[in-house]
PDB file of N, CA and C in Angstrom:
ATOM      1  N   MET A   1     -16.106   7.170 -18.587  1.00  0.00           N
ATOM      2  CA  MET A   1     -16.365   5.846 -19.018  1.00  0.00           C
ATOM      3  C   MET A   1     -16.741   5.216 -20.157  1.00  0.00           C
ATOM      4  N   PHE A   2     -17.905   5.878 -20.668  1.00  0.00           N
ATOM      5  CA  PHE A   2     -18.554   5.644 -21.472  1.00  0.00           C
ATOM      6  C   PHE A   2     -19.000   6.438 -22.612  1.00  0.00           C
ATOM      7  N   LEU A   3     -17.670   7.154 -23.098  1.00  0.00           N
ATOM      8  CA  LEU A   3     -17.606   8.396 -24.163  1.00  0.00           C
ATOM      9  C   LEU A   3     -18.792   8.589 -25.275  1.00  0.00           C
ATOM     10  N   ASN A   4     -19.233   6.919 -26.136  1.00  0.00           N
ATOM     11  CA  ASN A   4     -19.487   7.243 -27.195  1.00  0.00           C
ATOM     12  C   ASN A   4     -21.164   6.813 -27.017  1.00  0.00           C
ATOM     13  N   LEU A   5     -21.674   7.176 -25.831  1.00  0.00           N
ATOM     14  CA  LEU A   5     -23.097   6.638 -25.702  1.00  0.00           C
ATOM     15  C   LEU A   5     -24.005   7.328 -26.575  1.00  0.00           C
ATOM     16  N   VAL A   6     -25.034   7.073 -27.002  1.00  0.00           N
ATOM     17  CA  VAL A   6     -26.143   7.421 -27.738  1.00  0.00           C
ATOM     18  C   VAL A   6     -27.204   8.157 -26.547  1.00  0.00           C
ATOM     19  N   SER A   7     -27.810   9.349 -26.848  1.00  0.00           N
ATOM     20  CA  SER A   7     -29.166   9.761 -26.618  1.00  0.00           C
ATOM     21  C   SER A   7     -30.076   8.574 -26.541  1.00  0.00           C
ATOM     22  N   TYR A   8     -31.240   8.760 -25.516  1.00  0.00           N
ATOM     23  CA  TYR A   8     -32.294   7.704 -25.715  1.00  0.00           C
ATOM     24  C   TYR A   8     -33.162   7.668 -26.590  1.00  0.00           C
ATOM     25  N   ASN A   9     -33.343   8.982 -27.421  1.00  0.00           N
ATOM     26  CA  ASN A   9     -33.861   9.011 -28.391  1.00  0.00           C
ATOM     27  C   ASN A   9     -33.395   8.337 -29.929  1.00  0.00           C
ATOM     28  N   ARG A  10     -31.844   8.211 -29.597  1.00  0.00           N
ATOM     29  CA  ARG A  10     -31.318   7.550 -31.300  1.00  0.00           C
ATOM     30  C   ARG A  10     -31.437   6.073 -30.525  1.00  0.00           C
ATOM     31  N   PHE A  11     -31.397   5.836 -29.288  1.00  0.00           N
ATOM     32  CA  PHE A  11     -31.578   4.332 -28.797  1.00  0.00           C
ATOM     33  C   PHE A  11     -32.476   3.499 -29.743  1.00  0.00           C
ATOM     34  N   VAL A  12     -33.230   4.494 -28.942  1.00  0.00           N
ATOM     35  CA  VAL A  12     -34.996   3.923 -29.513  1.00  0.00           C
ATOM     36  C   VAL A  12     -34.923   3.739 -30.843  1.00  0.00           C
ATOM     37  N   GLU A  13     -34.695   4.637 -31.949  1.00  0.00           N
ATOM     38  CA  GLU A  13     -34.569   4.375 -33.297  1.00  0.00           C
ATOM     39  C   GLU A  13     -33.535   3.410 -33.789  1.00  0.00           C
ATOM     40  N   LEU A  14     -32.433   2.940 -33.341  1.00  0.00           N
ATOM     41  CA  LEU A  14     -31.300   2.049 -33.259  1.00  0.00           C
ATOM     42  C   LEU A  14     -32.306   0.807 -33.202  1.00  0.00           C
ATOM     43  N   GLU A  15     -32.918   0.457 -32.193  1.00  0.00           N
ATOM     44  CA  GLU A  15     -33.565  -0.459 -31.683  1.00  0.00           C
ATOM     45  C   GLU A  15     -34.572  -1.602 -32.767  1.00  0.00           C
ATOM     46  N   LYS A  16     -35.253  -0.765 -33.591  1.00  0.00           N
ATOM     47  CA  LYS A  16     -35.621  -1.526 -34.680  1.00  0.00           C
ATOM     48  C   LYS A  16     -34.784  -1.932 -35.905  1.00  0.00           C
ATOM     49  N   GLU A  17     -33.119  -1.202 -35.971  1.00  0.00           N
ATOM     50  CA  GLU A  17     -32.386  -1.608 -36.801  1.00  0.00           C
ATOM     51  C   GLU A  17     -31.665  -3.217 -36.629  1.00  0.00           C
ATOM     52  N   ILE A  18     -31.539  -3.607 -35.142  1.00  0.00           N
ATOM     53  CA  ILE A  18     -30.481  -4.437 -34.277  1.00  0.00           C
ATOM     54  C   ILE A  18     -31.465  -5.740 -34.233  1.00  0.00           C
ATOM     55  N   GLN A  19     -32.756  -5.538 -34.511  1.00  0.00           N
ATOM     56  CA  GLN A  19     -33.332  -6.903 -34.049  1.00  0.00           C
ATOM     57  C   GLN A  19     -33.271  -8.034 -34.907  1.00  0.00           C
ATOM     58  N   LEU A  20     -33.314  -7.493 -36.130  1.00  0.00           N
ATOM     59  CA  LEU A  20     -33.008  -8.378 -36.834  1.00  0.00           C
ATOM     60  C   LEU A  20     -31.310  -9.560 -36.835  1.00  0.00           C
ATOM     61  N   PRO A  21     -30.656  -8.546 -36.962  1.00  0.00           N
ATOM     62  CA  PRO A  21     -29.512  -9.404 -36.895  1.00  0.00           C
ATOM     63  C   PRO A  21     -29.510  -9.928 -35.178  1.00  0.00           C
ATOM     64  N   LEU A  22     -29.713  -9.370 -34.015  1.00  0.00           N
ATOM     65  CA  LEU A  22     -29.368  -9.847 -32.788  1.00  0.00           C
ATOM     66  C   LEU A  22     -30.564 -11.090 -33.181  1.00  0.00           C
ATOM     67  N   THR A  23     -31.650 -11.298 -33.765  1.00  0.00           N
ATOM     68  CA  THR A  23     -32.392 -12.987 -33.627  1.00  0.00           C
ATOM     69  C   THR A  23     -31.717 -13.673 -34.313  1.00  0.00           C
ATOM     70  N   ILE A  24     -30.752 -13.377 -35.623  1.00  0.00           N
ATOM     71  CA  ILE A  24     -30.140 -14.281 -36.112  1.00  0.00           C
ATOM     72  C   ILE A  24     -29.149 -14.771 -35.673  1.00  0.00           C
ATOM     73  N   PHE A  25     -28.123 -13.948 -34.629  1.00  0.00           N
ATOM     74  CA  PHE A  25     -26.875 -14.511 -34.048  1.00  0.00           C
ATOM     75  C   PHE A  25     -27.469 -15.483 -33.071  1.00  0.00           C
ATOM     76  N   ILE A  26     -28.739 -14.864 -32.086  1.00  0.00           N
ATOM     77  CA  ILE A  26     -28.637 -15.769 -31.346  1.00  0.00           C
ATOM     78  C   ILE A  26     -29.651 -17.545 -32.067  1.00  0.00           C
ATOM     79  N   LYS A  27     -29.865 -16.924 -32.784  1.00  0.00           N
ATOM     80  CA  LYS A  27     -30.912 -18.424 -33.539  1.00  0.00           C
ATOM     81  C   LYS A  27     -29.685 -19.269 -33.879  1.00  0.00           C
ATOM     82  N   LYS A  28     -28.421 -18.663 -33.998  1.00  0.00           N
ATOM     83  CA  LYS A  28     -27.156 -19.884 -34.734  1.00  0.00           C
ATOM     84  C   LYS A  28     -26.494 -20.312 -33.605  1.00  0.00           C
ATOM     85  N   LEU A  29     -26.483 -19.277 -32.855  1.00  0.00           N
ATOM     86  CA  LEU A  29     -25.589 -19.632 -31.434  1.00  0.00           C
ATOM     87  C   LEU A  29     -25.447 -20.106 -30.329  1.00  0.00           C
ATOM     88  N   LEU A  30     -26.766 -19.596 -29.773  1.00  0.00           N
ATOM     89  CA  LEU A  30     -26.973 -19.788 -28.457  1.00  0.00           C
ATOM     90  C   LEU A  30     -28.361 -20.320 -27.910  1.00  0.00           C
ATOM     91  N   LEU A  31     -28.549 -21.389 -28.612  1.00  0.00           N
ATOM     92  CA  LEU A  31     -29.932 -21.999 -28.388  1.00  0.00           C
ATOM     93  C   LEU A  31     -29.535 -23.661 -27.888  1.00  0.00           C
ATOM     94  N   GLY A  32     -30.389 -23.677 -26.735  1.00  0.00           N
ATOM     95  CA  GLY A  32     -29.677 -25.412 -26.351  1.00  0.00           C
ATOM     96  C   GLY A  32     -30.696 -26.263 -26.608  1.00  0.00           C
ATOM     97  N   THR A  33     -30.522 -27.470 -26.196  1.00  0.00           N
ATOM     98  CA  THR A  33     -30.544 -29.047 -26.524  1.00  0.00           C
ATOM     99  C   THR A  33     -31.849 -29.565 -26.533  1.00  0.00           C
ATOM    100  N   CYS A  34     -32.766 -30.166 -27.302  1.00  0.00           N
ATOM    101  CA  CYS A  34     -34.099 -30.499 -26.286  1.00  0.00           C
ATOM    102  C   CYS A  34     -33.772 -31.940 -25.539  1.00  0.00           C
ATOM    103  N   THR A  35     -34.722 -32.140 -24.356  1.00  0.00           N
ATOM    104  CA  THR A  35     -34.539 -33.071 -23.458  1.00  0.00           C
ATOM    105  C   THR A  35     -36.008 -33.904 -23.564  1.00  0.00           C
ATOM    106  N   GLY A  36     -36.730 -33.117 -23.911  1.00  0.00           N
ATOM    107  CA  GLY A  36     -37.521 -34.229 -24.385  1.00  0.00           C
ATOM    108  C   GLY A  36     -38.892 -33.603 -23.348  1.00  0.00           C
ATOM    109  N   ILE A  37     -38.534 -32.809 -22.752  1.00  0.00           N
ATOM    110  CA  ILE A  37     -39.674 -32.038 -22.044  1.00  0.00           C
ATOM    111  C   ILE A  37     -39.269 -30.604 -21.889  1.00  0.00           C
ATOM    112  N   SER A  38     -40.335 -29.599 -22.704  1.00  0.00           N
ATOM    113  CA  SER A  38     -40.653 -28.299 -23.089  1.00  0.00           C
ATOM    114  C   SER A  38     -41.836 -27.088 -22.535  1.00  0.00           C
ATOM    115  N   PHE A  39     -41.039 -26.517 -22.481  1.00  0.00           N
ATOM    116  CA  PHE A  39     -42.393 -25.331 -22.184  1.00  0.00           C
ATOM    117  C   PHE A  39     -42.366 -24.349 -22.852  1.00  0.00           C
ATOM    118  N   ALA A  40     -43.637 -23.856 -23.209  1.00  0.00           N
ATOM    119  CA  ALA A  40     -43.842 -22.701 -23.927  1.00  0.00           C
ATOM    120  C   ALA A  40     -44.729 -21.219 -23.343  1.00  0.00           C
ATOM    121  N   ASP A  41     -44.339 -20.679 -23.598  1.00  0.00           N
ATOM    122  CA  ASP A  41     -44.881 -19.251 -22.990  1.00  0.00           C
ATOM    123  C   ASP A  41     -44.798 -18.102 -23.962  1.00  0.00           C
ATOM    124  N   SER A  42     -45.773 -17.268 -24.134  1.00  0.00           N
ATOM    125  CA  SER A  42     -45.046 -15.596 -24.617  1.00  0.00           C
ATOM    126  C   SER A  42     -45.425 -14.463 -23.876  1.00  0.00           C
ATOM    127  N   THR A  43     -45.055 -13.303 -24.023  1.00  0.00           N
ATOM    128  CA  THR A  43     -45.075 -12.457 -23.259  1.00  0.00           C
ATOM    129  C   THR A  43     -45.622 -11.091 -24.114  1.00  0.00           C
ATOM    130  N   PRO A  44     -45.815  -9.875 -23.596  1.00  0.00           N
ATOM    131  CA  PRO A  44     -45.987  -8.813 -24.600  1.00  0.00           C
ATOM    132  C   PRO A  44     -44.833  -7.784 -24.326  1.00  0.00           C
ATOM    133  N   LEU A  45     -44.157  -7.321 -25.798  1.00  0.00           N
ATOM    134  CA  LEU A  45     -43.525  -6.431 -25.833  1.00  0.00           C
ATOM    135  C   LEU A  45     -44.577  -5.024 -26.243  1.00  0.00           C
ATOM    136  N   HIS A  46     -44.397  -4.202 -25.657  1.00  0.00           N
ATOM    137  CA  HIS A  46     -45.583  -2.792 -25.237  1.00  0.00           C
ATOM    138  C   HIS A  46     -44.393  -1.983 -26.303  1.00  0.00           C
ATOM    139  N   VAL A  47     -44.622  -1.274 -27.173  1.00  0.00           N
ATOM    140  CA  VAL A  47     -44.068   0.062 -27.280  1.00  0.00           C
ATOM    141  C   VAL A  47     -44.354   0.982 -27.308  1.00  0.00           C
ATOM    142  N   CYS A  48     -45.363   1.250 -26.889  1.00  0.00           N
ATOM    143  CA  CYS A  48     -45.984   2.749 -26.592  1.00  0.00           C
ATOM    144  C   CYS A  48     -47.373   2.255 -25.238  1.00  0.00           C
ATOM    145  N   ARG A  49     -47.650   3.400 -24.802  1.00  0.00           N
ATOM    146  CA  ARG A  49     -49.018   3.279 -23.987  1.00  0.00           C
ATOM    147  C   ARG A  49     -50.251   2.961 -25.087  1.00  0.00           C
ATOM    148  N   ASN A  50     -51.065   2.566 -24.454  1.00  0.00           N
ATOM    149  CA  ASN A  50     -52.115   2.606 -25.500  1.00  0.00           C
ATOM    150  C   ASN A  50     -52.630   3.893 -25.706  1.00  0.00           C
ATOM    151  N   GLN A  51     -52.691   4.556 -25.415  1.00  0.00           N
ATOM    152  CA  GLN A  51     -53.231   6.706 -25.155  1.00  0.00           C
ATOM    153  C   GLN A  51     -52.153   7.179 -25.986  1.00  0.00           C
ATOM    154  N   ARG A  52     -50.962   6.534 -26.845  1.00  0.00           N
ATOM    155  CA  ARG A  52     -50.062   7.065 -27.832  1.00  0.00           C
ATOM    156  C   ARG A  52     -50.084   6.433 -28.399  1.00  0.00           C
ATOM    157  N   ILE A  53     -51.179   5.264 -29.427  1.00  0.00           N
ATOM    158  CA  ILE A  53     -51.157   4.550 -30.238  1.00  0.00           C
ATOM    159  C   ILE A  53     -50.872   5.643 -31.676  1.00  0.00           C
ATOM    160  N   LEU A  54     -51.662   6.800 -31.426  1.00  0.00           N
ATOM    161  CA  LEU A  54     -51.989   7.599 -33.011  1.00  0.00           C
ATOM    162  C   LEU A  54     -50.670   8.281 -33.280  1.00  0.00           C
ATOM    163  N   ILE A  55     -49.933   8.733 -32.133  1.00  0.00           N
ATOM    164  CA  ILE A  55     -48.625   9.559 -32.387  1.00  0.00           C
ATOM    165  C   ILE A  55     -47.755   8.988 -32.182  1.00  0.00           C
ATOM    166  N   HIS A  56     -47.052   7.676 -32.067  1.00  0.00           N
ATOM    167  CA  HIS A  56     -46.071   6.388 -32.066  1.00  0.00           C
ATOM    168  C   HIS A  56     -45.443   6.720 -33.563  1.00  0.00           C
ATOM    169  N   LYS A  57     -44.317   6.972 -33.521  1.00  0.00           N
ATOM    170  CA  LYS A  57     -43.717   7.028 -35.107  1.00  0.00           C
ATOM    171  C   LYS A  57     -42.544   5.920 -35.054  1.00  0.00           C
ATOM    172  N   THR A  58     -41.598   5.363 -34.081  1.00  0.00           N
ATOM    173  CA  THR A  58     -40.569   4.550 -34.457  1.00  0.00           C
ATOM    174  C   THR A  58     -41.028   3.365 -34.844  1.00  0.00           C
ATOM    175  N   PHE A  59     -41.858   2.561 -34.325  1.00  0.00           N
ATOM    176  CA  PHE A  59     -42.524   1.338 -34.747  1.00  0.00           C
ATOM    177  C   PHE A  59     -43.841   1.315 -35.972  1.00  0.00           C
ATOM    178  N   GLU A  60     -44.020   2.655 -36.417  1.00  0.00           N
ATOM    179  CA  GLU A  60     -44.797   2.933 -37.171  1.00  0.00           C
ATOM    180  C   GLU A  60     -45.115   1.940 -38.314  1.00  0.00           C
ATOM    181  N   GLY A  61     -45.999   1.244 -38.381  1.00  0.00           N
ATOM    182  CA  GLY A  61     -45.941   0.275 -39.766  1.00  0.00           C
ATOM    183  C   GLY A  61     -45.767  -1.137 -39.300  1.00  0.00           C
ATOM    184  N   LEU A  62     -44.856  -1.343 -38.408  1.00  0.00           N
ATOM    185  CA  LEU A  62     -44.652  -2.777 -37.565  1.00  0.00           C
ATOM    186  C   LEU A  62     -45.466  -2.896 -36.827  1.00  0.00           C
ATOM    187  N   ALA A  63     -45.712  -2.177 -35.804  1.00  0.00           N
ATOM    188  CA  ALA A  63     -46.004  -2.826 -34.543  1.00  0.00           C
ATOM    189  C   ALA A  63     -47.804  -3.132 -34.748  1.00  0.00           C
ATOM    190  N   GLU A  64     -48.790  -3.867 -34.133  1.00  0.00           N
ATOM    191  CA  GLU A  64     -50.159  -3.897 -34.374  1.00  0.00           C
ATOM    192  C   GLU A  64     -51.296  -4.302 -32.958  1.00  0.00           C
ATOM    193  N   ARG A  65     -51.791  -3.674 -32.780  1.00  0.00           N
ATOM    194  CA  ARG A  65     -52.933  -3.965 -31.633  1.00  0.00           C
ATOM    195  C   ARG A  65     -53.161  -5.423 -31.544  1.00  0.00           C
ATOM    196  N   GLY A  66     -53.156  -5.763 -30.000  1.00  0.00           N
ATOM    197  CA  GLY A  66     -53.573  -6.960 -30.267  1.00  0.00           C
ATOM    198  C   GLY A  66     -54.050  -6.859 -28.538  1.00  0.00           C
ATOM    199  N   LYS A  67     -54.639  -8.153 -28.058  1.00  0.00           N
ATOM    200  CA  LYS A  67     -54.736  -8.754 -26.864  1.00  0.00           C
ATOM    201  C   LYS A  67     -54.238 -10.207 -25.946  1.00  0.00           C
ATOM    202  N   CYS A  68     -53.665  -9.951 -24.769  1.00  0.00           N
ATOM    203  CA  CYS A  68     -53.032 -10.819 -24.107  1.00  0.00           C
ATOM    204  C   CYS A  68     -53.887 -10.839 -22.721  1.00  0.00           C
ATOM    205  N   SER A  69     -53.244 -12.095 -22.086  1.00  0.00           N
ATOM    206  CA  SER A  69     -54.101 -12.025 -20.872  1.00  0.00           C
ATOM    207  C   SER A  69     -53.986 -10.637 -19.650  1.00  0.00           C
ATOM    208  N   MET A  70     -53.050 -10.072 -19.987  1.00  0.00           N
ATOM    209  CA  MET A  70     -52.912  -8.323 -19.234  1.00  0.00           C
ATOM    210  C   MET A  70     -53.787  -7.512 -19.751  1.00  0.00           C
ATOM    211  N   GLY A  71     -54.425  -7.472 -20.926  1.00  0.00           N
ATOM    212  CA  GLY A  71     -55.230  -6.836 -22.007  1.00  0.00           C
ATOM    213  C   GLY A  71     -54.589  -6.103 -22.983  1.00  0.00           C
ATOM    214  N   TRP A  72     -54.907  -5.116 -23.261  1.00  0.00           N
ATOM    215  CA  TRP A  72     -54.504  -4.777 -24.672  1.00  0.00           C
ATOM    216  C   TRP A  72     -52.927  -4.332 -25.107  1.00  0.00           C
ATOM    217  N   LEU A  73     -52.697  -4.508 -25.784  1.00  0.00           N
ATOM    218  CA  LEU A  73     -51.411  -3.961 -25.859  1.00  0.00           C
ATOM    219  C   LEU A  73     -50.789  -3.351 -27.322  1.00  0.00           C
ATOM    220  N   PHE A  74     -50.100  -2.682 -27.681  1.00  0.00           N
ATOM    221  CA  PHE A  74     -49.601  -1.981 -29.182  1.00  0.00           C
ATOM    222  C   PHE A  74     -48.143  -2.380 -29.025  1.00  0.00           C
ATOM    223  N   GLY A  75     -47.988  -3.655 -29.715  1.00  0.00           N
ATOM    224  CA  GLY A  75     -46.236  -3.494 -29.977  1.00  0.00           C
ATOM    225  C   GLY A  75     -46.425  -4.952 -30.500  1.00  0.00           C
ATOM    226  N   PHE A  76     -45.370  -5.902 -29.612  1.00  0.00           N
ATOM    227  CA  PHE A  76     -45.163  -7.278 -30.615  1.00  0.00           C
ATOM    228  C   PHE A  76     -45.438  -8.258 -29.485  1.00  0.00           C
ATOM    229  N   GLU A  77     -44.989  -9.706 -29.554  1.00  0.00           N
ATOM    230  CA  GLU A  77     -45.180 -10.874 -28.484  1.00  0.00           C
ATOM    231  C   GLU A  77     -44.088 -11.408 -28.862  1.00  0.00           C
ATOM    232  N   LEU A  78     -43.448 -11.664 -27.845  1.00  0.00           N
ATOM    233  CA  LEU A  78     -42.307 -13.070 -27.561  1.00  0.00           C
ATOM    234  C   LEU A  78     -42.576 -14.190 -27.010  1.00  0.00           C
ATOM    235  N   HIS A  79     -42.419 -15.203 -27.840  1.00  0.00           N
ATOM    236  CA  HIS A  79     -42.682 -16.374 -27.732  1.00  0.00           C
ATOM    237  C   HIS A  79     -41.765 -17.008 -27.573  1.00  0.00           C
ATOM    238  N   LEU A  80     -41.389 -18.488 -26.503  1.00  0.00           N
ATOM    239  CA  LEU A  80     -40.296 -18.531 -26.180  1.00  0.00           C
ATOM    240  C   LEU A  80     -40.583 -20.041 -25.681  1.00  0.00           C
ATOM    241  N   ILE A  81     -39.652 -20.828 -26.251  1.00  0.00           N
ATOM    242  CA  ILE A  81     -39.836 -22.174 -25.953  1.00  0.00           C
ATOM    243  C   ILE A  81     -38.718 -22.832 -25.000  1.00  0.00           C
ATOM    244  N   ILE A  82     -38.860 -23.264 -23.329  1.00  0.00           N
ATOM    245  CA  ILE A  82     -37.629 -23.807 -22.927  1.00  0.00           C
ATOM    246  C   ILE A  82     -37.180 -25.355 -22.673  1.00  0.00           C
ATOM    247  N   ASN A  83     -36.242 -25.566 -22.330  1.00  0.00           N
ATOM    248  CA  ASN A  83     -36.181 -27.615 -21.595  1.00  0.00           C
ATOM    249  C   ASN A  83     -36.554 -26.860 -19.949  1.00  0.00           C
ATOM    250  N   ASP A  84     -36.467 -28.171 -19.795  1.00  0.00           N
ATOM    251  CA  ASP A  84     -36.273 -28.480 -18.446  1.00  0.00           C
ATOM    252  C   ASP A  84     -34.916 -28.624 -17.800  1.00  0.00           C
ATOM    253  N   ARG A  85     -34.070 -28.495 -18.222  1.00  0.00           N
ATOM    254  CA  ARG A  85     -32.448 -28.429 -17.829  1.00  0.00           C
ATOM    255  C   ARG A  85     -32.032 -27.178 -17.859  1.00  0.00           C
ATOM    256  N   GLY A  86     -32.571 -26.426 -16.638  1.00  0.00           N
ATOM    257  CA  GLY A  86     -32.182 -25.148 -16.350  1.00  0.00           C
ATOM    258  C   GLY A  86     -32.330 -23.788 -17.440  1.00  0.00           C
ATOM    259  N   GLY A  87     -33.806 -24.207 -17.788  1.00  0.00           N
ATOM    260  CA  GLY A  87     -34.288 -23.381 -18.541  1.00  0.00           C
ATOM    261  C   GLY A  87     -33.817 -22.949 -19.990  1.00  0.00           C
ATOM    262  N   GLU A  88     -32.668 -23.774 -20.647  1.00  0.00           N
ATOM    263  CA  GLU A  88     -31.968 -23.369 -21.943  1.00  0.00           C
ATOM    264  C   GLU A  88     -33.407 -23.181 -22.877  1.00  0.00           C
ATOM    265  N   ILE A  89     -33.441 -21.835 -24.005  1.00  0.00           N
ATOM    266  CA  ILE A  89     -33.717 -21.530 -24.777  1.00  0.00           C
ATOM    267  C   ILE A  89     -33.882 -22.641 -25.871  1.00  0.00           C
ATOM    268  N   LEU A  90     -34.933 -23.122 -26.696  1.00  0.00           N
ATOM    269  CA  LEU A  90     -34.924 -24.093 -27.672  1.00  0.00           C
ATOM    270  C   LEU A  90     -35.521 -23.158 -29.069  1.00  0.00           C
ATOM    271  N   TYR A  91     -36.341 -22.583 -28.540  1.00  0.00           N
ATOM    272  CA  TYR A  91     -36.549 -21.739 -29.559  1.00  0.00           C
ATOM    273  C   TYR A  91     -37.068 -20.336 -28.855  1.00  0.00           C
ATOM    274  N   PHE A  92     -37.476 -18.642 -30.232  1.00  0.00           N
ATOM    275  CA  PHE A  92     -37.946 -18.169 -29.665  1.00  0.00           C
ATOM    276  C   PHE A  92     -38.641 -17.524 -30.983  1.00  0.00           C
ATOM    277  N   MET A  93     -39.748 -15.998 -30.667  1.00  0.00           N
ATOM    278  CA  MET A  93     -39.962 -16.099 -31.906  1.00  0.00           C
ATOM    279  C   MET A  93     -40.626 -14.752 -31.762  1.00  0.00           C
ATOM    280  N   PHE A  94     -40.701 -13.392 -32.573  1.00  0.00           N
ATOM    281  CA  PHE A  94     -41.282 -12.732 -31.874  1.00  0.00           C
ATOM    282  C   PHE A  94     -42.453 -12.269 -33.505  1.00  0.00           C
ATOM    283  N   THR A  95     -43.109 -11.767 -32.778  1.00  0.00           N
ATOM    284  CA  THR A  95     -44.585 -11.788 -33.584  1.00  0.00           C
ATOM    285  C   THR A  95     -45.366 -10.493 -33.499  1.00  0.00           C
ATOM    286  N   LEU A  96     -45.793 -10.077 -34.407  1.00  0.00           N
ATOM    287  CA  LEU A  96     -46.810  -8.937 -33.928  1.00  0.00           C
ATOM    288  C   LEU A  96     -47.929  -8.948 -33.105  1.00  0.00           C
ATOM    289  N   GLY A  97     -48.689  -8.086 -32.301  1.00  0.00           N
ATOM    290  CA  GLY A  97     -49.168  -8.260 -31.095  1.00  0.00           C
ATOM    291  C   GLY A  97     -50.932  -8.670 -31.343  1.00  0.00           C
ATOM    292  N   ASN A  98     -50.917  -8.977 -32.803  1.00  0.00           N
ATOM    293  CA  ASN A  98     -52.247  -9.515 -32.988  1.00  0.00           C
ATOM    294  C   ASN A  98     -52.061 -10.618 -33.309  1.00  0.00           C
ATOM    295  N   VAL A  99     -50.982 -11.834 -33.466  1.00  0.00           N
ATOM    296  CA  VAL A  99     -50.681 -12.879 -33.382  1.00  0.00           C
ATOM    297  C   VAL A  99     -51.298 -14.037 -32.394  1.00  0.00           C
ATOM    298  N   ASN A 100     -51.878 -14.514 -32.541  1.00  0.00           N
ATOM    299  CA  ASN A 100     -52.842 -15.864 -31.730  1.00  0.00           C
ATOM    300  C   ASN A 100     -51.255 -16.493 -30.939  1.00  0.00           C
ATOM    301  N   ASP A 101     -51.254 -16.949 -30.103  1.00  0.00           N
ATOM    302  CA  ASP A 101     -49.779 -17.449 -29.456  1.00  0.00           C
ATOM    303  C   ASP A 101     -50.346 -19.197 -29.913  1.00  0.00           C
ATOM    304  N   ARG A 102     -51.056 -19.665 -30.375  1.00  0.00           N
ATOM    305  CA  ARG A 102     -50.452 -21.015 -30.251  1.00  0.00           C
ATOM    306  C   ARG A 102     -49.889 -20.952 -32.123  1.00  0.00           C
ATOM    307  N   LYS A 103     -49.905 -20.259 -32.784  1.00  0.00           N
ATOM    308  CA  LYS A 103     -50.116 -19.698 -34.157  1.00  0.00           C
ATOM    309  C   LYS A 103     -48.500 -20.175 -34.325  1.00  0.00           C
ATOM    310  N   PRO A 104     -47.328 -19.920 -33.559  1.00  0.00           N
ATOM    311  CA  PRO A 104     -46.334 -20.151 -33.525  1.00  0.00           C
ATOM    312  C   PRO A 104     -45.492 -21.287 -33.258  1.00  0.00           C
ATOM    313  N   LEU A 105     -46.433 -21.924 -32.333  1.00  0.00           N
ATOM    314  CA  LEU A 105     -46.215 -23.357 -31.768  1.00  0.00           C
ATOM    315  C   LEU A 105     -45.952 -24.500 -33.062  1.00  0.00           C
ATOM    316  N   LYS A 106     -46.637 -24.337 -33.895  1.00  0.00           N
ATOM    317  CA  LYS A 106     -47.019 -24.952 -35.093  1.00  0.00           C
ATOM    318  C   LYS A 106     -45.627 -25.203 -35.699  1.00  0.00           C
TER     319      LYS A 106
END
């Protein structure tokens, strides 16, 4: 059924190329409307285990070390703001792992 699938290694390489176009697409077409009540949260996006930071090559020069509520991470953070009506996404932002969670809210 899926004749043109890429290997896992190629998929990992393609992830960093698609992040910017996908972000622009979502921000232009899929965001909800503000109802007056909003909720904000962030979640870590690990790119590898902490033991493999020195040999990681896919996001080399992009990912950063940081600390979140669940411990240390190497990667990025996804910040979301949603409304109270069904959890529609009002705004989102990807930041480096070492960015304070309050900074994207400004």
